[in-house]
């Protein structure tokens, strides 16, 4: 199933003008081009295009600049095997940079800093570790006090 430019813009939340600009600058390309009688060109967008477009719109709405989106896309195109990274990669943002969640899920790459590894910290694991250590410390304290009184 494919959609014309107006439908794609409406479904993804961008304007037709943005869609034309993003196509012209190579940010997003239509899945196929159809030529009507008389030579009129009609761009057709597929579902993955809609995901790409919606990803861009969401990033822009969250305050990520178009320049950062372009830089992220350039990095992903160069360093992944994905044909359409904005539709295929898992991305997260802190509002100032965009990270790619790698297959191993234990590493995250900063797409705006040439793939610099960002650390993932599981807070629940830290909480459990601290709880165990505090219980151990309380036991040591109690043992110490008993020895002082003896």
C-alpha atoms as a PDB file:
ATOM      1  CA  UNK A   1       0.000   0.000   0.000  1.00  0.00           C
ATOM      2  CA  UNK A   2       1.373   3.396  -0.921  1.00  0.00           C
ATOM      3  CA  UNK A   3       0.223   6.938  -0.301  1.00  0.00           C
ATOM      4  CA  UNK A   4       0.490  10.118  -2.312  1.00  0.00           C
ATOM      5  CA  UNK A   5       2.413  13.086  -0.897  1.00  0.00           C
ATOM      6  CA  UNK A   6      -0.659  14.756   0.596  1.00  0.00           C
ATOM      7  CA  UNK A   7      -1.757  11.557   2.343  1.00  0.00           C
ATOM      8  CA  UNK A   8       1.783  10.882   3.593  1.00  0.00           C
ATOM      9  CA  UNK A   9       2.079  14.398   4.995  1.00  0.00           C
ATOM     10  CA  UNK A  10      -1.298  14.168   6.696  1.00  0.00           C
ATOM     11  CA  UNK A  11      -0.636  10.712   8.181  1.00  0.00           C
ATOM     12  CA  UNK A  12       2.843  11.587   9.429  1.00  0.00           C
ATOM     13  CA  UNK A  13       2.029  15.017  10.820  1.00  0.00           C
ATOM     14  CA  UNK A  14       4.292  17.080   8.575  1.00  0.00           C
ATOM     15  CA  UNK A  15       3.304  19.651   5.995  1.00  0.00           C
ATOM     16  CA  UNK A  16       3.444  19.073   2.244  1.00  0.00           C
ATOM     17  CA  UNK A  17       6.051  21.815   2.093  1.00  0.00           C
ATOM     18  CA  UNK A  18       8.246  20.009   4.650  1.00  0.00           C
ATOM     19  CA  UNK A  19       7.814  16.768   2.733  1.00  0.00           C
ATOM     20  CA  UNK A  20       8.940  18.399  -0.530  1.00  0.00           C
ATOM     21  CA  UNK A  21      11.917  20.028   1.207  1.00  0.00           C
ATOM     22  CA  UNK A  22      12.984  16.806   2.927  1.00  0.00           C
ATOM     23  CA  UNK A  23      12.756  14.976  -0.405  1.00  0.00           C
ATOM     24  CA  UNK A  24      14.726  17.702  -2.215  1.00  0.00           C
ATOM     25  CA  UNK A  25      17.496  17.662   0.415  1.00  0.00           C
ATOM     26  CA  UNK A  26      17.679  13.850   0.568  1.00  0.00           C
ATOM     27  CA  UNK A  27      16.364  13.436   4.101  1.00  0.00           C
ATOM     28  CA  UNK A  28      13.518  11.154   2.995  1.00  0.00           C
ATOM     29  CA  UNK A  29      12.918   9.728  -0.457  1.00  0.00           C
ATOM     30  CA  UNK A  30       9.583   8.365  -1.695  1.00  0.00           C
ATOM     31  CA  UNK A  31       9.368   4.596  -2.023  1.00  0.00           C
ATOM     32  CA  UNK A  32       8.386   4.877  -5.654  1.00  0.00           C
ATOM     33  CA  UNK A  33       7.669   7.397  -8.349  1.00  0.00           C
ATOM     34  CA  UNK A  34       4.695   7.070 -10.620  1.00  0.00           C
ATOM     35  CA  UNK A  35       4.360   8.889 -13.910  1.00  0.00           C
ATOM     36  CA  UNK A  36       0.873   9.897 -14.926  1.00  0.00           C
ATOM     37  CA  UNK A  37      -0.244  10.452 -18.508  1.00  0.00           C
ATOM     38  CA  UNK A  38       1.275  13.680 -19.741  1.00  0.00           C
ATOM     39  CA  UNK A  39       4.495  13.072 -17.780  1.00  0.00           C
ATOM     40  CA  UNK A  40       3.301  14.327 -14.390  1.00  0.00           C
ATOM     41  CA  UNK A  41       5.428  12.846 -11.623  1.00  0.00           C
ATOM     42  CA  UNK A  42       3.677  11.491  -8.540  1.00  0.00           C
ATOM     43  CA  UNK A  43       5.660  10.439  -5.516  1.00  0.00           C
ATOM     44  CA  UNK A  44       4.358   7.451  -3.592  1.00  0.00           C
ATOM     45  CA  UNK A  45       5.228   6.803   0.047  1.00  0.00           C
ATOM     46  CA  UNK A  46       5.010   3.444   1.794  1.00  0.00           C
ATOM     47  CA  UNK A  47       4.510   2.560   5.453  1.00  0.00           C
ATOM     48  CA  UNK A  48       8.240   2.684   6.229  1.00  0.00           C
ATOM     49  CA  UNK A  49       8.327   6.186   4.741  1.00  0.00           C
ATOM     50  CA  UNK A  50       5.517   7.150   7.107  1.00  0.00           C
ATOM     51  CA  UNK A  51       7.529   5.801  10.048  1.00  0.00           C
ATOM     52  CA  UNK A  52      10.573   7.804   8.891  1.00  0.00           C
ATOM     53  CA  UNK A  53       8.513  10.964   8.502  1.00  0.00           C
ATOM     54  CA  UNK A  54       6.785  10.525  11.847  1.00  0.00           C
ATOM     55  CA  UNK A  55      10.158   9.940  13.526  1.00  0.00           C
ATOM     56  CA  UNK A  56      11.456  13.216  12.100  1.00  0.00           C
ATOM     57  CA  UNK A  57       8.303  15.095  13.089  1.00  0.00           C
ATOM     58  CA  UNK A  58       8.461  13.695  16.634  1.00  0.00           C
ATOM     59  CA  UNK A  59      12.117  14.690  17.024  1.00  0.00           C
ATOM     60  CA  UNK A  60      11.368  18.206  15.788  1.00  0.00           C
ATOM     61  CA  UNK A  61       8.416  18.473  18.178  1.00  0.00           C
ATOM     62  CA  UNK A  62      10.683  17.385  21.044  1.00  0.00           C
ATOM     63  CA  UNK A  63      13.136  20.188  20.304  1.00  0.00           C
ATOM     64  CA  UNK A  64      15.726  18.303  18.260  1.00  0.00           C
ATOM     65  CA  UNK A  65      16.947  20.512  15.427  1.00  0.00           C
ATOM     66  CA  UNK A  66      16.691  19.406  11.824  1.00  0.00           C
ATOM     67  CA  UNK A  67      20.480  19.735  11.639  1.00  0.00           C
ATOM     68  CA  UNK A  68      20.842  17.115  14.412  1.00  0.00           C
ATOM     69  CA  UNK A  69      18.319  14.854  12.684  1.00  0.00           C
ATOM     70  CA  UNK A  70      20.374  15.101   9.479  1.00  0.00           C
ATOM     71  CA  UNK A  71      23.617  14.389  11.326  1.00  0.00           C
ATOM     72  CA  UNK A  72      22.041  11.369  13.027  1.00  0.00           C
ATOM     73  CA  UNK A  73      20.710  10.068   9.739  1.00  0.00           C
ATOM     74  CA  UNK A  74      24.106  10.514   8.078  1.00  0.00           C
ATOM     75  CA  UNK A  75      25.794   8.579  10.897  1.00  0.00           C
ATOM     76  CA  UNK A  76      23.208   5.780  10.773  1.00  0.00           C
ATOM     77  CA  UNK A  77      23.424   5.470   6.984  1.00  0.00           C
ATOM     78  CA  UNK A  78      27.217   5.160   7.208  1.00  0.00           C
ATOM     79  CA  UNK A  79      27.408   2.810  10.206  1.00  0.00           C
ATOM     80  CA  UNK A  80      24.409   0.498   9.978  1.00  0.00           C
ATOM     81  CA  UNK A  81      23.161  -1.992   7.437  1.00  0.00           C
ATOM     82  CA  UNK A  82      19.709  -0.442   7.538  1.00  0.00           C
ATOM     83  CA  UNK A  83      18.343   0.856   4.256  1.00  0.00           C
ATOM     84  CA  UNK A  84      16.039   3.242   6.099  1.00  0.00           C
ATOM     85  CA  UNK A  85      17.554   3.811   9.539  1.00  0.00           C
ATOM     86  CA  UNK A  86      14.901   6.201  10.826  1.00  0.00           C
ATOM     87  CA  UNK A  87      12.341   3.434  10.351  1.00  0.00           C
ATOM     88  CA  UNK A  88      14.529   0.524  11.451  1.00  0.00           C
ATOM     89  CA  UNK A  89      16.838   1.668  14.266  1.00  0.00           C
ATOM     90  CA  UNK A  90      15.861   2.137  17.877  1.00  0.00           C
ATOM     91  CA  UNK A  91      16.537   5.733  18.840  1.00  0.00           C
ATOM     92  CA  UNK A  92      16.295   7.550  22.155  1.00  0.00           C
ATOM     93  CA  UNK A  93      16.984  11.156  23.018  1.00  0.00           C
ATOM     94  CA  UNK A  94      17.666  13.200  26.103  1.00  0.00           C
ATOM     95  CA  UNK A  95      16.562  16.340  24.278  1.00  0.00           C
ATOM     96  CA  UNK A  96      20.013  17.413  23.186  1.00  0.00           C
ATOM     97  CA  UNK A  97      21.482  14.359  21.489  1.00  0.00           C
ATOM     98  CA  UNK A  98      20.150  11.272  19.768  1.00  0.00           C
ATOM     99  CA  UNK A  99      21.291   7.799  20.750  1.00  0.00           C
ATOM    100  CA  UNK A 100      21.015   4.535  18.857  1.00  0.00           C
ATOM    101  CA  UNK A 101      20.144   1.530  21.002  1.00  0.00           C
ATOM    102  CA  UNK A 102      22.306  -1.300  19.690  1.00  0.00           C
ATOM    103  CA  UNK A 103      21.240  -4.898  19.251  1.00  0.00           C
ATOM    104  CA  UNK A 104      22.944  -5.906  22.475  1.00  0.00           C
ATOM    105  CA  UNK A 105      20.737  -3.374  24.341  1.00  0.00           C
ATOM    106  CA  UNK A 106      23.587  -2.949  26.790  1.00  0.00           C
ATOM    107  CA  UNK A 107      25.224  -0.300  24.675  1.00  0.00           C
ATOM    108  CA  UNK A 108      23.957   2.939  23.290  1.00  0.00           C
ATOM    109  CA  UNK A 109      25.825   4.983  20.693  1.00  0.00           C
ATOM    110  CA  UNK A 110      25.718   8.757  20.524  1.00  0.00           C
ATOM    111  CA  UNK A 111      24.911   9.419  16.875  1.00  0.00           C
ATOM    112  CA  UNK A 112      25.938  13.062  17.115  1.00  0.00           C
ATOM    113  CA  UNK A 113      29.393  12.226  18.455  1.00  0.00           C
ATOM    114  CA  UNK A 114      30.459   9.701  15.815  1.00  0.00           C
ATOM    115  CA  UNK A 115      29.129   6.696  17.687  1.00  0.00           C
ATOM    116  CA  UNK A 116      30.720   7.381  21.047  1.00  0.00           C
ATOM    117  CA  UNK A 117      29.485   4.762  23.498  1.00  0.00           C
ATOM    118  CA  UNK A 118      27.127   5.994  26.187  1.00  0.00           C
ATOM    119  CA  UNK A 119      26.756   3.931  29.325  1.00  0.00           C
ATOM    120  CA  UNK A 120      23.509   2.269  30.306  1.00  0.00           C
ATOM    121  CA  UNK A 121      22.870   2.092  34.003  1.00  0.00           C
ATOM    122  CA  UNK A 122      20.091  -0.070  35.392  1.00  0.00           C
ATOM    123  CA  UNK A 123      18.890   1.801  38.455  1.00  0.00           C
ATOM    124  CA  UNK A 124      16.980  -1.175  39.837  1.00  0.00           C
ATOM    125  CA  UNK A 125      20.224  -3.201  39.960  1.00  0.00           C
ATOM    126  CA  UNK A 126      22.006  -0.393  41.798  1.00  0.00           C
ATOM    127  CA  UNK A 127      19.128  -0.124  44.240  1.00  0.00           C
ATOM    128  CA  UNK A 128      19.226  -3.861  44.991  1.00  0.00           C
ATOM    129  CA  UNK A 129      23.006  -3.802  45.409  1.00  0.00           C
ATOM    130  CA  UNK A 130      22.822  -0.877  47.843  1.00  0.00           C
ATOM    131  CA  UNK A 131      20.049  -2.546  49.824  1.00  0.00           C
ATOM    132  CA  UNK A 132      22.162  -5.706  50.187  1.00  0.00           C
ATOM    133  CA  UNK A 133      25.209  -3.699  51.218  1.00  0.00           C
ATOM    134  CA  UNK A 134      23.197  -1.722  53.795  1.00  0.00           C
ATOM    135  CA  UNK A 135      21.883  -4.963  55.315  1.00  0.00           C
ATOM    136  CA  UNK A 136      25.445  -6.285  55.448  1.00  0.00           C
ATOM    137  CA  UNK A 137      26.623  -3.044  57.040  1.00  0.00           C
ATOM    138  CA  UNK A 138      23.856  -3.198  59.656  1.00  0.00           C
ATOM    139  CA  UNK A 139      24.937  -6.761  60.495  1.00  0.00           C
ATOM    140  CA  UNK A 140      28.581  -5.701  60.795  1.00  0.00           C
ATOM    141  CA  UNK A 141      27.569  -2.754  63.012  1.00  0.00           C
ATOM    142  CA  UNK A 142      25.524  -4.995  65.284  1.00  0.00           C
ATOM    143  CA  UNK A 143      28.406  -7.471  65.529  1.00  0.00           C
ATOM    144  CA  UNK A 144      30.824  -4.634  66.349  1.00  0.00           C
ATOM    145  CA  UNK A 145      28.561  -3.271  69.118  1.00  0.00           C
ATOM    146  CA  UNK A 146      28.177  -6.741  70.655  1.00  0.00           C
ATOM    147  CA  UNK A 147      31.956  -7.148  70.781  1.00  0.00           C
ATOM    148  CA  UNK A 148      32.359  -3.732  72.457  1.00  0.00           C
ATOM    149  CA  UNK A 149      29.867  -4.633  75.163  1.00  0.00           C
ATOM    150  CA  UNK A 150      31.502  -7.999  75.880  1.00  0.00           C
END
